[in-house]
C-alpha atoms as a PDB file:
ATOM      1  CA  UNK A   1      17.343 -28.586  17.298  1.00  0.00           C
ATOM      2  CA  UNK A   2      17.156 -32.328  17.174  1.00  0.00           C
ATOM      3  CA  UNK A   3      15.152 -32.364  20.532  1.00  0.00           C
ATOM      4  CA  UNK A   4      12.696 -29.890  18.982  1.00  0.00           C
ATOM      5  CA  UNK A   5      12.238 -32.070  15.924  1.00  0.00           C
ATOM      6  CA  UNK A   6      11.732 -35.167  18.046  1.00  0.00           C
ATOM      7  CA  UNK A   7       9.212 -33.399  20.221  1.00  0.00           C
ATOM      8  CA  UNK A   8       7.287 -32.165  17.096  1.00  0.00           C
ATOM      9  CA  UNK A   9       7.305 -35.666  15.705  1.00  0.00           C
ATOM     10  CA  UNK A  10       6.077 -37.064  18.966  1.00  0.00           C
ATOM     11  CA  UNK A  11       3.288 -34.457  19.158  1.00  0.00           C
ATOM     12  CA  UNK A  12       2.311 -35.252  15.569  1.00  0.00           C
ATOM     13  CA  UNK A  13       2.120 -38.984  16.263  1.00  0.00           C
ATOM     14  CA  UNK A  14       0.026 -38.499  19.319  1.00  0.00           C
ATOM     15  CA  UNK A  15      -2.716 -36.708  17.293  1.00  0.00           C
ATOM     16  CA  UNK A  16      -5.682 -38.816  16.320  1.00  0.00           C
ATOM     17  CA  UNK A  17      -5.666 -40.132  12.760  1.00  0.00           C
ATOM     18  CA  UNK A  18      -8.653 -37.973  11.644  1.00  0.00           C
ATOM     19  CA  UNK A  19      -7.027 -34.834  12.869  1.00  0.00           C
ATOM     20  CA  UNK A  20      -3.798 -35.675  11.015  1.00  0.00           C
ATOM     21  CA  UNK A  21      -5.709 -36.226   7.842  1.00  0.00           C
ATOM     22  CA  UNK A  22      -7.602 -33.014   8.308  1.00  0.00           C
ATOM     23  CA  UNK A  23      -4.297 -31.059   8.727  1.00  0.00           C
ATOM     24  CA  UNK A  24      -2.727 -32.642   5.700  1.00  0.00           C
ATOM     25  CA  UNK A  25      -5.856 -31.929   3.544  1.00  0.00           C
ATOM     26  CA  UNK A  26      -5.810 -28.326   4.796  1.00  0.00           C
ATOM     27  CA  UNK A  27      -2.209 -27.816   3.790  1.00  0.00           C
ATOM     28  CA  UNK A  28      -2.852 -29.387   0.387  1.00  0.00           C
ATOM     29  CA  UNK A  29      -5.817 -27.041  -0.203  1.00  0.00           C
ATOM     30  CA  UNK A  30      -3.796 -23.979   0.899  1.00  0.00           C
ATOM     31  CA  UNK A  31      -0.911 -24.979  -1.281  1.00  0.00           C
ATOM     32  CA  UNK A  32      -3.262 -25.302  -4.248  1.00  0.00           C
ATOM     33  CA  UNK A  33      -4.728 -21.911  -3.627  1.00  0.00           C
ATOM     34  CA  UNK A  34      -1.263 -20.424  -3.218  1.00  0.00           C
ATOM     35  CA  UNK A  35      -0.242 -21.947  -6.642  1.00  0.00           C
ATOM     36  CA  UNK A  36      -3.342 -20.504  -8.267  1.00  0.00           C
ATOM     37  CA  UNK A  37      -2.722 -17.097  -6.774  1.00  0.00           C
ATOM     38  CA  UNK A  38       0.897 -17.100  -7.978  1.00  0.00           C
ATOM     39  CA  UNK A  39       0.100 -17.985 -11.597  1.00  0.00           C
ATOM     40  CA  UNK A  40      -0.700 -14.455 -12.729  1.00  0.00           C
ATOM     41  CA  UNK A  41       2.454 -13.144 -11.056  1.00  0.00           C
ATOM     42  CA  UNK A  42       4.572 -15.802 -12.800  1.00  0.00           C
ATOM     43  CA  UNK A  43       2.899 -14.878 -16.105  1.00  0.00           C
ATOM     44  CA  UNK A  44       3.665 -11.102 -15.718  1.00  0.00           C
ATOM     45  CA  UNK A  45       7.328 -11.924 -14.815  1.00  0.00           C
ATOM     46  CA  UNK A  46       7.692 -14.328 -17.778  1.00  0.00           C
ATOM     47  CA  UNK A  47       6.021 -11.812 -20.155  1.00  0.00           C
ATOM     48  CA  UNK A  48       8.376  -9.095 -19.030  1.00  0.00           C
ATOM     49  CA  UNK A  49      11.292 -11.224 -20.343  1.00  0.00           C
ATOM     50  CA  UNK A  50       9.468 -12.231 -23.577  1.00  0.00           C
ATOM     51  CA  UNK A  51      11.497 -11.466 -26.803  1.00  0.00           C
ATOM     52  CA  UNK A  52       8.415 -11.417 -29.116  1.00  0.00           C
ATOM     53  CA  UNK A  53       6.283  -8.274 -29.380  1.00  0.00           C
ATOM     54  CA  UNK A  54       2.527  -8.052 -29.123  1.00  0.00           C
ATOM     55  CA  UNK A  55      -0.049  -8.567 -26.463  1.00  0.00           C
ATOM     56  CA  UNK A  56      -0.829 -12.224 -27.370  1.00  0.00           C
ATOM     57  CA  UNK A  57       1.324 -15.268 -26.909  1.00  0.00           C
ATOM     58  CA  UNK A  58       0.243 -18.829 -27.790  1.00  0.00           C
ATOM     59  CA  UNK A  59       2.347 -20.251 -24.868  1.00  0.00           C
ATOM     60  CA  UNK A  60       2.505 -19.574 -21.194  1.00  0.00           C
ATOM     61  CA  UNK A  61       6.318 -19.754 -21.115  1.00  0.00           C
ATOM     62  CA  UNK A  62       7.886 -17.534 -23.873  1.00  0.00           C
ATOM     63  CA  UNK A  63       9.795 -19.238 -26.723  1.00  0.00           C
ATOM     64  CA  UNK A  64      12.550 -16.694 -26.432  1.00  0.00           C
ATOM     65  CA  UNK A  65      13.816 -14.522 -23.557  1.00  0.00           C
ATOM     66  CA  UNK A  66      15.344 -11.067 -23.620  1.00  0.00           C
ATOM     67  CA  UNK A  67      16.121  -7.987 -21.430  1.00  0.00           C
ATOM     68  CA  UNK A  68      15.059  -5.672 -24.148  1.00  0.00           C
ATOM     69  CA  UNK A  69      11.739  -4.793 -22.514  1.00  0.00           C
ATOM     70  CA  UNK A  70      13.581  -3.543 -19.359  1.00  0.00           C
ATOM     71  CA  UNK A  71      16.136  -1.704 -21.391  1.00  0.00           C
ATOM     72  CA  UNK A  72      13.479  -0.098 -23.444  1.00  0.00           C
ATOM     73  CA  UNK A  73      11.807   1.425 -20.398  1.00  0.00           C
ATOM     74  CA  UNK A  74      15.085   3.219 -19.413  1.00  0.00           C
ATOM     75  CA  UNK A  75      16.293   4.155 -22.822  1.00  0.00           C
ATOM     76  CA  UNK A  76      13.288   4.807 -25.182  1.00  0.00           C
ATOM     77  CA  UNK A  77      11.749   8.091 -24.139  1.00  0.00           C
ATOM     78  CA  UNK A  78      10.120   8.820 -27.561  1.00  0.00           C
ATOM     79  CA  UNK A  79       6.685   7.962 -26.138  1.00  0.00           C
ATOM     80  CA  UNK A  80       6.969   7.211 -22.477  1.00  0.00           C
ATOM     81  CA  UNK A  81       9.480   8.492 -19.966  1.00  0.00           C
ATOM     82  CA  UNK A  82       9.260   5.682 -17.423  1.00  0.00           C
ATOM     83  CA  UNK A  83      12.096   6.820 -15.055  1.00  0.00           C
ATOM     84  CA  UNK A  84      10.317  10.244 -14.803  1.00  0.00           C
ATOM     85  CA  UNK A  85       6.995   8.593 -14.044  1.00  0.00           C
ATOM     86  CA  UNK A  86       8.639   6.359 -11.397  1.00  0.00           C
ATOM     87  CA  UNK A  87      10.311   9.394  -9.822  1.00  0.00           C
ATOM     88  CA  UNK A  88       7.027  11.332  -9.743  1.00  0.00           C
ATOM     89  CA  UNK A  89       5.301   8.347  -8.123  1.00  0.00           C
ATOM     90  CA  UNK A  90       8.070   7.872  -5.551  1.00  0.00           C
ATOM     91  CA  UNK A  91       8.044  11.563  -4.610  1.00  0.00           C
ATOM     92  CA  UNK A  92       4.279  11.589  -4.264  1.00  0.00           C
ATOM     93  CA  UNK A  93       4.163   8.237  -2.393  1.00  0.00           C
ATOM     94  CA  UNK A  94       6.929   9.230   0.067  1.00  0.00           C
ATOM     95  CA  UNK A  95       5.294  12.551   0.996  1.00  0.00           C
ATOM     96  CA  UNK A  96       1.807  10.912   1.185  1.00  0.00           C
ATOM     97  CA  UNK A  97       3.165   8.176   3.349  1.00  0.00           C
ATOM     98  CA  UNK A  98       4.571  10.630   5.908  1.00  0.00           C
ATOM     99  CA  UNK A  99       1.547  13.035   5.914  1.00  0.00           C
ATOM    100  CA  UNK A 100      -1.138  10.384   5.868  1.00  0.00           C
ATOM    101  CA  UNK A 101       0.479   8.470   8.790  1.00  0.00           C
ATOM    102  CA  UNK A 102       0.697  11.725  10.796  1.00  0.00           C
ATOM    103  CA  UNK A 103      -2.949  12.636  10.138  1.00  0.00           C
ATOM    104  CA  UNK A 104      -4.239   9.082  10.832  1.00  0.00           C
ATOM    105  CA  UNK A 105      -2.285   8.609  14.055  1.00  0.00           C
ATOM    106  CA  UNK A 106      -3.125  12.103  15.321  1.00  0.00           C
ATOM    107  CA  UNK A 107      -6.904  11.671  14.696  1.00  0.00           C
ATOM    108  CA  UNK A 108      -6.899   8.114  16.143  1.00  0.00           C
ATOM    109  CA  UNK A 109      -4.940   9.145  19.208  1.00  0.00           C
ATOM    110  CA  UNK A 110      -7.232  12.075  19.875  1.00  0.00           C
ATOM    111  CA  UNK A 111     -10.480  10.123  19.479  1.00  0.00           C
ATOM    112  CA  UNK A 112      -9.166   7.070  21.470  1.00  0.00           C
ATOM    113  CA  UNK A 113      -7.467   8.674  24.434  1.00  0.00           C
ATOM    114  CA  UNK A 114      -9.049  12.051  24.917  1.00  0.00           C
ATOM    115  CA  UNK A 115     -12.625  12.902  25.983  1.00  0.00           C
ATOM    116  CA  UNK A 116     -14.225  16.098  24.786  1.00  0.00           C
ATOM    117  CA  UNK A 117     -17.685  17.500  23.865  1.00  0.00           C
ATOM    118  CA  UNK A 118     -19.144  16.290  20.559  1.00  0.00           C
ATOM    119  CA  UNK A 119     -16.558  13.560  20.313  1.00  0.00           C
ATOM    120  CA  UNK A 120     -18.971  10.770  19.323  1.00  0.00           C
ATOM    121  CA  UNK A 121     -20.922  12.980  16.729  1.00  0.00           C
ATOM    122  CA  UNK A 122     -17.580  13.852  15.178  1.00  0.00           C
ATOM    123  CA  UNK A 123     -16.684  10.159  14.934  1.00  0.00           C
ATOM    124  CA  UNK A 124     -20.162   9.377  13.316  1.00  0.00           C
ATOM    125  CA  UNK A 125     -19.721  12.205  10.784  1.00  0.00           C
ATOM    126  CA  UNK A 126     -16.159  11.118   9.933  1.00  0.00           C
ATOM    127  CA  UNK A 127     -17.304   7.515   9.531  1.00  0.00           C
ATOM    128  CA  UNK A 128     -20.173   8.479   7.131  1.00  0.00           C
ATOM    129  CA  UNK A 129     -17.985  10.788   5.041  1.00  0.00           C
ATOM    130  CA  UNK A 130     -15.335   8.057   4.745  1.00  0.00           C
ATOM    131  CA  UNK A 131     -18.017   5.634   3.399  1.00  0.00           C
ATOM    132  CA  UNK A 132     -18.111   7.659   0.179  1.00  0.00           C
ATOM    133  CA  UNK A 133     -15.598   6.610  -2.448  1.00  0.00           C
ATOM    134  CA  UNK A 134     -12.776   9.128  -3.109  1.00  0.00           C
ATOM    135  CA  UNK A 135     -13.495   9.343  -6.931  1.00  0.00           C
ATOM    136  CA  UNK A 136     -16.863  11.104  -6.171  1.00  0.00           C
ATOM    137  CA  UNK A 137     -14.849  14.273  -5.306  1.00  0.00           C
ATOM    138  CA  UNK A 138     -12.276  14.076  -8.082  1.00  0.00           C
ATOM    139  CA  UNK A 139     -13.958  16.650 -10.361  1.00  0.00           C
ATOM    140  CA  UNK A 140     -14.429  19.127  -7.438  1.00  0.00           C
ATOM    141  CA  UNK A 141     -10.725  18.545  -6.465  1.00  0.00           C
ATOM    142  CA  UNK A 142      -9.605  19.205 -10.040  1.00  0.00           C
ATOM    143  CA  UNK A 143     -11.492  22.529 -10.277  1.00  0.00           C
ATOM    144  CA  UNK A 144     -10.269  23.714  -6.829  1.00  0.00           C
ATOM    145  CA  UNK A 145      -6.706  22.932  -7.815  1.00  0.00           C
ATOM    146  CA  UNK A 146      -7.164  24.581 -11.210  1.00  0.00           C
ATOM    147  CA  UNK A 147      -8.432  27.734  -9.470  1.00  0.00           C
ATOM    148  CA  UNK A 148      -5.335  27.654  -7.242  1.00  0.00           C
ATOM    149  CA  UNK A 149      -3.102  27.146 -10.304  1.00  0.00           C
ATOM    150  CA  UNK A 150      -1.838  23.784  -9.118  1.00  0.00           C
ATOM    151  CA  UNK A 151      -2.766  21.908 -12.337  1.00  0.00           C
ATOM    152  CA  UNK A 152       0.427  22.783 -14.241  1.00  0.00           C
ATOM    153  CA  UNK A 153       4.144  22.400 -13.536  1.00  0.00           C
ATOM    154  CA  UNK A 154       5.693  21.084 -10.340  1.00  0.00           C
ATOM    155  CA  UNK A 155       2.631  22.061  -8.316  1.00  0.00           C
ATOM    156  CA  UNK A 156       0.878  19.065  -9.822  1.00  0.00           C
ATOM    157  CA  UNK A 157       2.903  16.865  -7.452  1.00  0.00           C
ATOM    158  CA  UNK A 158       1.729  19.069  -4.588  1.00  0.00           C
ATOM    159  CA  UNK A 159      -1.848  18.643  -5.769  1.00  0.00           C
ATOM    160  CA  UNK A 160      -1.622  14.884  -5.852  1.00  0.00           C
ATOM    161  CA  UNK A 161       0.008  14.788  -2.373  1.00  0.00           C
ATOM    162  CA  UNK A 162      -2.936  16.953  -1.130  1.00  0.00           C
ATOM    163  CA  UNK A 163      -5.511  14.662  -2.706  1.00  0.00           C
ATOM    164  CA  UNK A 164      -3.982  11.468  -1.348  1.00  0.00           C
ATOM    165  CA  UNK A 165      -3.204  12.688   2.190  1.00  0.00           C
ATOM    166  CA  UNK A 166      -5.776  15.426   2.789  1.00  0.00           C
ATOM    167  CA  UNK A 167      -8.596  13.155   3.808  1.00  0.00           C
ATOM    168  CA  UNK A 168      -6.416  10.348   5.319  1.00  0.00           C
ATOM    169  CA  UNK A 169      -7.480  11.273   8.862  1.00  0.00           C
ATOM    170  CA  UNK A 170     -10.981  10.043   8.150  1.00  0.00           C
ATOM    171  CA  UNK A 171      -9.562   6.468   7.901  1.00  0.00           C
ATOM    172  CA  UNK A 172      -8.651   6.506  11.620  1.00  0.00           C
ATOM    173  CA  UNK A 173     -10.846   3.472  12.593  1.00  0.00           C
ATOM    174  CA  UNK A 174      -8.221   0.743  12.533  1.00  0.00           C
ATOM    175  CA  UNK A 175      -5.595   2.848  14.383  1.00  0.00           C
ATOM    176  CA  UNK A 176      -8.164   3.915  16.915  1.00  0.00           C
ATOM    177  CA  UNK A 177      -9.147   0.289  17.507  1.00  0.00           C
ATOM    178  CA  UNK A 178      -5.486  -0.507  18.136  1.00  0.00           C
ATOM    179  CA  UNK A 179      -5.086   2.444  20.607  1.00  0.00           C
ATOM    180  CA  UNK A 180      -8.095   1.353  22.534  1.00  0.00           C
ATOM    181  CA  UNK A 181      -6.338  -1.918  23.357  1.00  0.00           C
ATOM    182  CA  UNK A 182      -3.647  -0.001  25.251  1.00  0.00           C
ATOM    183  CA  UNK A 183      -4.757   0.477  28.878  1.00  0.00           C
ATOM    184  CA  UNK A 184      -5.628   3.985  29.749  1.00  0.00           C
ATOM    185  CA  UNK A 185      -3.981   3.364  33.140  1.00  0.00           C
ATOM    186  CA  UNK A 186      -0.604   3.860  31.405  1.00  0.00           C
ATOM    187  CA  UNK A 187      -1.561   7.427  30.405  1.00  0.00           C
ATOM    188  CA  UNK A 188      -2.808   8.261  33.902  1.00  0.00           C
ATOM    189  CA  UNK A 189       0.217   6.950  35.608  1.00  0.00           C
ATOM    190  CA  UNK A 190       2.514   8.900  33.269  1.00  0.00           C
ATOM    191  CA  UNK A 191       0.532  12.075  33.841  1.00  0.00           C
ATOM    192  CA  UNK A 192       0.706  11.664  37.576  1.00  0.00           C
ATOM    193  CA  UNK A 193       4.504  11.593  37.106  1.00  0.00           C
ATOM    194  CA  UNK A 194       4.387  14.909  35.267  1.00  0.00           C
ATOM    195  CA  UNK A 195       4.127  13.843  31.635  1.00  0.00           C
ATOM    196  CA  UNK A 196       2.238  16.013  29.189  1.00  0.00           C
ATOM    197  CA  UNK A 197      -0.165  14.481  26.700  1.00  0.00           C
ATOM    198  CA  UNK A 198       2.452  15.057  23.976  1.00  0.00           C
ATOM    199  CA  UNK A 199       5.034  13.049  26.012  1.00  0.00           C
ATOM    200  CA  UNK A 200       2.426  10.361  26.724  1.00  0.00           C
ATOM    201  CA  UNK A 201       1.960   9.995  22.954  1.00  0.00           C
ATOM    202  CA  UNK A 202       5.703  10.203  22.116  1.00  0.00           C
ATOM    203  CA  UNK A 203       7.200   8.079  24.903  1.00  0.00           C
ATOM    204  CA  UNK A 204       4.473   5.550  25.714  1.00  0.00           C
ATOM    205  CA  UNK A 205       1.786   5.226  22.983  1.00  0.00           C
ATOM    206  CA  UNK A 206       4.072   5.449  19.929  1.00  0.00           C
ATOM    207  CA  UNK A 207       6.639   2.747  21.084  1.00  0.00           C
ATOM    208  CA  UNK A 208       3.721   0.358  21.766  1.00  0.00           C
ATOM    209  CA  UNK A 209       2.041   1.223  18.470  1.00  0.00           C
ATOM    210  CA  UNK A 210       4.694   0.202  15.905  1.00  0.00           C
ATOM    211  CA  UNK A 211       2.476  -2.400  14.202  1.00  0.00           C
ATOM    212  CA  UNK A 212      -0.348   0.017  13.374  1.00  0.00           C
ATOM    213  CA  UNK A 213       2.120   2.760  12.350  1.00  0.00           C
ATOM    214  CA  UNK A 214       3.742   0.352   9.900  1.00  0.00           C
ATOM    215  CA  UNK A 215       0.272  -0.746   8.674  1.00  0.00           C
ATOM    216  CA  UNK A 216      -0.671   2.831   7.969  1.00  0.00           C
ATOM    217  CA  UNK A 217       2.704   3.579   6.275  1.00  0.00           C
ATOM    218  CA  UNK A 218       2.288   0.620   3.951  1.00  0.00           C
ATOM    219  CA  UNK A 219      -1.210   1.511   2.911  1.00  0.00           C
ATOM    220  CA  UNK A 220      -0.288   5.180   2.428  1.00  0.00           C
ATOM    221  CA  UNK A 221       2.827   4.411   0.389  1.00  0.00           C
ATOM    222  CA  UNK A 222       1.065   1.912  -1.943  1.00  0.00           C
ATOM    223  CA  UNK A 223      -1.896   4.281  -2.640  1.00  0.00           C
ATOM    224  CA  UNK A 224      -0.174   6.503  -5.320  1.00  0.00           C
ATOM    225  CA  UNK A 225       1.205   3.405  -7.044  1.00  0.00           C
ATOM    226  CA  UNK A 226      -2.207   1.865  -7.640  1.00  0.00           C
ATOM    227  CA  UNK A 227      -4.486   4.894  -8.064  1.00  0.00           C
ATOM    228  CA  UNK A 228      -5.361   5.824 -11.632  1.00  0.00           C
ATOM    229  CA  UNK A 229      -8.465   7.931 -11.805  1.00  0.00           C
ATOM    230  CA  UNK A 230      -7.456  10.912  -9.530  1.00  0.00           C
ATOM    231  CA  UNK A 231      -3.982  11.051 -11.005  1.00  0.00           C
ATOM    232  CA  UNK A 232      -5.236  10.982 -14.554  1.00  0.00           C
ATOM    233  CA  UNK A 233      -7.816  13.707 -13.821  1.00  0.00           C
ATOM    234  CA  UNK A 234      -5.147  15.917 -12.202  1.00  0.00           C
ATOM    235  CA  UNK A 235      -2.379  15.307 -14.724  1.00  0.00           C
ATOM    236  CA  UNK A 236      -4.448  15.634 -17.892  1.00  0.00           C
ATOM    237  CA  UNK A 237      -2.010  15.911 -20.846  1.00  0.00           C
ATOM    238  CA  UNK A 238       0.953  16.777 -18.724  1.00  0.00           C
ATOM    239  CA  UNK A 239       3.136  13.812 -19.536  1.00  0.00           C
ATOM    240  CA  UNK A 240       6.098  15.093 -17.478  1.00  0.00           C
ATOM    241  CA  UNK A 241       4.069  14.525 -14.239  1.00  0.00           C
ATOM    242  CA  UNK A 242       2.454  11.226 -15.044  1.00  0.00           C
ATOM    243  CA  UNK A 243       2.501   8.649 -12.309  1.00  0.00           C
ATOM    244  CA  UNK A 244       3.264   5.014 -13.165  1.00  0.00           C
ATOM    245  CA  UNK A 245      -0.408   4.060 -13.097  1.00  0.00           C
ATOM    246  CA  UNK A 246      -1.330   6.748 -15.696  1.00  0.00           C
ATOM    247  CA  UNK A 247       1.655   6.033 -17.901  1.00  0.00           C
ATOM    248  CA  UNK A 248       1.228   2.238 -17.790  1.00  0.00           C
ATOM    249  CA  UNK A 249      -2.406   2.561 -18.671  1.00  0.00           C
ATOM    250  CA  UNK A 250      -1.505   4.491 -21.859  1.00  0.00           C
ATOM    251  CA  UNK A 251       0.858   1.673 -22.752  1.00  0.00           C
ATOM    252  CA  UNK A 252      -2.241  -0.499 -23.261  1.00  0.00           C
ATOM    253  CA  UNK A 253      -3.944   1.970 -25.702  1.00  0.00           C
ATOM    254  CA  UNK A 254      -4.504   0.675 -29.258  1.00  0.00           C
ATOM    255  CA  UNK A 255      -1.638   2.625 -30.906  1.00  0.00           C
ATOM    256  CA  UNK A 256       0.955   1.463 -28.308  1.00  0.00           C
ATOM    257  CA  UNK A 257      -0.053  -1.949 -27.066  1.00  0.00           C
ATOM    258  CA  UNK A 258       1.767  -3.998 -29.695  1.00  0.00           C
ATOM    259  CA  UNK A 259       5.148  -2.355 -29.116  1.00  0.00           C
ATOM    260  CA  UNK A 260       4.794  -1.664 -25.375  1.00  0.00           C
ATOM    261  CA  UNK A 261       2.793  -4.623 -23.947  1.00  0.00           C
ATOM    262  CA  UNK A 262       5.863  -6.585 -22.806  1.00  0.00           C
ATOM    263  CA  UNK A 263       7.488  -3.335 -21.469  1.00  0.00           C
ATOM    264  CA  UNK A 264       4.278  -2.816 -19.585  1.00  0.00           C
ATOM    265  CA  UNK A 265       4.832  -6.153 -17.904  1.00  0.00           C
ATOM    266  CA  UNK A 266       8.434  -5.154 -17.126  1.00  0.00           C
ATOM    267  CA  UNK A 267       7.205  -1.906 -15.645  1.00  0.00           C
ATOM    268  CA  UNK A 268       4.756  -3.868 -13.404  1.00  0.00           C
ATOM    269  CA  UNK A 269       7.661  -5.890 -12.131  1.00  0.00           C
ATOM    270  CA  UNK A 270       9.811  -2.810 -11.423  1.00  0.00           C
ATOM    271  CA  UNK A 271       7.159  -0.875  -9.567  1.00  0.00           C
ATOM    272  CA  UNK A 272       6.463  -3.926  -7.338  1.00  0.00           C
ATOM    273  CA  UNK A 273      10.023  -3.611  -5.983  1.00  0.00           C
ATOM    274  CA  UNK A 274       9.669  -0.449  -3.824  1.00  0.00           C
ATOM    275  CA  UNK A 275       6.319  -1.623  -2.308  1.00  0.00           C
ATOM    276  CA  UNK A 276       7.607  -5.227  -1.749  1.00  0.00           C
ATOM    277  CA  UNK A 277      10.876  -3.917  -0.312  1.00  0.00           C
ATOM    278  CA  UNK A 278       9.072  -1.771   2.232  1.00  0.00           C
ATOM    279  CA  UNK A 279       6.760  -4.593   3.137  1.00  0.00           C
ATOM    280  CA  UNK A 280       9.607  -7.092   3.622  1.00  0.00           C
ATOM    281  CA  UNK A 281      11.488  -4.539   5.675  1.00  0.00           C
ATOM    282  CA  UNK A 282       8.577  -3.891   7.952  1.00  0.00           C
ATOM    283  CA  UNK A 283       7.096  -7.418   7.826  1.00  0.00           C
ATOM    284  CA  UNK A 284       7.874  -8.194  11.486  1.00  0.00           C
ATOM    285  CA  UNK A 285       5.773  -5.291  12.777  1.00  0.00           C
ATOM    286  CA  UNK A 286       3.139  -5.768  10.053  1.00  0.00           C
ATOM    287  CA  UNK A 287       2.540  -9.384  10.948  1.00  0.00           C
ATOM    288  CA  UNK A 288       2.510  -8.688  14.671  1.00  0.00           C
ATOM    289  CA  UNK A 289      -0.069  -5.920  14.111  1.00  0.00           C
ATOM    290  CA  UNK A 290      -2.453  -8.355  12.340  1.00  0.00           C
ATOM    291  CA  UNK A 291      -1.948 -11.244  14.865  1.00  0.00           C
ATOM    292  CA  UNK A 292      -2.894  -8.770  17.660  1.00  0.00           C
ATOM    293  CA  UNK A 293      -0.123  -9.993  19.873  1.00  0.00           C
ATOM    294  CA  UNK A 294       1.087  -6.580  20.862  1.00  0.00           C
ATOM    295  CA  UNK A 295      -1.023  -5.338  23.688  1.00  0.00           C
ATOM    296  CA  UNK A 296      -0.335  -2.736  26.265  1.00  0.00           C
END
C-alpha cells in the first residue's frame, strides 16, 4: 500500500504545474456542485425529523427533533394508510420490474441478433411510438381497463402492472446497443457446436449482459415509485390501492398539508430506501454498464 501511495505521489509531482492546478480546480467545482445537489436531500431528511408542524419553517435546521412524523405514518390511518400504499407500490414495482426486463431484453435480443423480413421498419415504428409520452394514452387505458372490470378491487394492481410493463419493449434501444457490442461470432460458434438460439441467449448473451439487465431492472423498479398521473387516473377514489406517489401528493392538499407535511418528508425518506438499496446492491454492474468496460 505504501508503495502505491509513493507511486501516486511521484506521478502527481511529475505533472506540470498548470495541470495540477486544473485538476485541483476541477475537484473543487465538482465538490461544490455535489454540495449544492445534496442540500435538498439534507433538507428533506431534516424536515422529516422536525417536531413542529406546518409546511413552513424559518430555519434550515429544525429547532426541535422528533420521531413522531415516522411514527404517525405507521400508526395514524385515519386519513392515509401509508403501509398499505407502500405495499401496493412494492407489489406493482416488483412485478413491473420482472415483466419489463423480460420484454426489453427479449425485444432487444431479437432485433440485435436475428435477421428477418421487415426488421428495420419494425424498429422505426417502435422508435416513433416510443417518442410519444405515456400520459397521452392514460385516458384510453383507463376506459379499456374499466371495460374489462379492472378499475375496482385487487385487479387495480394488475391494471397498473399492465400499464407500466405493457409497452416496456418499445424502450429496447439501450439494451440493443449493448447487445450489438457483443461479437456475432460468439453466436455462430455456439450454434456450430449445436446450441439453439435459446441456449445462446441463456448461456452466452445473458452472462455477458449483466450490466444492461441491471440497468433495465433499476429503471423498471423505480418507475411505479415516481409515477403519479397514470396511477391517479387508474386508482380514482380507491384509497386502498393508492401508490405512494398518489398518497403523498394528497398529503400536500390544502386540508392536510399543515398536519401531514413533515410526515410527507418522512415518507419521502422511507420510499427512497428500497430504490437506494437495490441500486447499492447492483451498483457494481450498474457502473460497469455505464463505463462500457464489459465487451464481448
